[in-house]
Amino acid sequence: MPKSLTTGDVARACQVSQATVVNWIRGRGLPAYTTPGGHYRIQAIDLHQFAARYRMPIDWLLIGVQPDQDLRP
């Protein structure tokens, strides 16, 4: 099963604020879905592709993602 990340997880891994992550979702094309409670969730593979597009480093281990296992489509 693909790993789902919160906006807080993404913010920590990318060293940005949660507001920046929401801006990426709303305006920069970071794919996300919303939970029934209205919170965003991002698939790890989608973050990986987004970060590659913008050449952004990500600290995967900081958020408990094993790149060799969790980044499979």
Protein backbone atom coordinates (compact mmCIF):
# COMPACT_ATOMS: atom_id res chain seq x y z
CA MET A 1 0.00 0.00 0.00
CA PRO A 2 1.38 3.45 -0.90
CA LYS A 3 2.54 5.61 1.99
CA SER A 4 0.31 8.64 2.68
CA LEU A 5 1.87 11.75 4.20
CA THR A 6 0.33 14.68 6.04
CA THR A 7 1.14 18.27 5.14
CA GLY A 8 3.17 18.34 8.36
CA ASP A 9 5.21 15.33 7.22
CA VAL A 10 5.91 16.98 3.87
CA ALA A 11 6.80 20.27 5.53
CA ARG A 12 9.32 18.57 7.85
CA ALA A 13 10.89 16.54 5.05
CA CYS A 14 11.25 19.60 2.79
CA GLN A 15 12.09 22.08 5.58
CA VAL A 16 9.23 24.43 4.74
CA SER A 17 6.02 25.50 6.50
CA GLN A 18 2.72 23.66 6.25
CA ALA A 19 1.29 26.75 4.53
CA THR A 20 3.90 26.35 1.80
CA VAL A 21 2.87 22.72 1.29
CA VAL A 22 -0.79 23.78 0.98
CA ASN A 23 0.27 26.40 -1.59
CA TRP A 24 2.07 23.67 -3.55
CA ILE A 25 -1.09 21.58 -3.51
CA ARG A 26 -3.36 24.44 -4.55
CA GLY A 27 -1.14 26.13 -7.10
CA ARG A 28 1.98 24.19 -8.01
CA GLY A 29 0.58 20.82 -8.90
CA LEU A 30 1.50 18.69 -5.88
CA PRO A 31 -1.12 15.93 -6.09
CA ALA A 32 -3.11 15.36 -2.91
CA TYR A 33 -6.45 14.03 -1.77
CA THR A 34 -8.62 15.20 1.08
CA THR A 35 -9.81 13.11 3.97
CA PRO A 36 -13.48 13.22 5.02
CA GLY A 37 -12.35 15.70 7.69
CA GLY A 38 -10.92 18.05 5.05
CA HIS A 39 -7.21 17.36 5.62
CA TYR A 40 -4.79 16.87 2.75
CA ARG A 41 -2.84 13.65 2.25
CA ILE A 42 0.02 13.25 -0.20
CA GLN A 43 1.31 9.96 -1.58
CA ALA A 44 5.08 9.56 -1.10
CA ILE A 45 5.57 8.77 -4.79
CA ASP A 46 3.79 12.01 -5.75
CA LEU A 47 6.05 14.02 -3.44
CA HIS A 48 9.07 12.26 -4.92
CA GLN A 49 8.03 13.23 -8.46
CA PHE A 50 7.17 16.80 -7.43
CA ALA A 51 10.53 17.24 -5.68
CA ALA A 52 12.41 15.83 -8.67
CA ARG A 53 10.64 18.30 -10.96
CA TYR A 54 11.87 21.20 -8.80
CA ARG A 55 15.20 19.56 -7.84
CA MET A 56 14.30 19.73 -4.15
CA PRO A 57 16.07 17.59 -1.58
CA ILE A 58 13.89 15.55 0.75
CA ASP A 59 14.88 14.00 4.07
CA TRP A 60 12.85 10.80 3.71
CA LEU A 61 14.18 9.17 6.87
CA LEU A 62 13.01 12.14 8.95
CA ILE A 63 9.42 11.17 8.17
CA GLY A 64 9.88 7.41 8.26
CA VAL A 65 9.83 6.73 4.53
CA GLN A 66 12.06 3.98 3.19
CA PRO A 67 12.79 5.18 -0.36
CA ASP A 68 13.56 1.71 -1.69
CA GLN A 69 10.22 0.35 -0.40
CA ASP A 70 7.75 3.24 -0.05
CA LEU A 71 8.35 5.00 -3.36
CA ARG A 72 6.94 2.29 -5.55
CA PRO A 73 3.88 3.30 -7.60
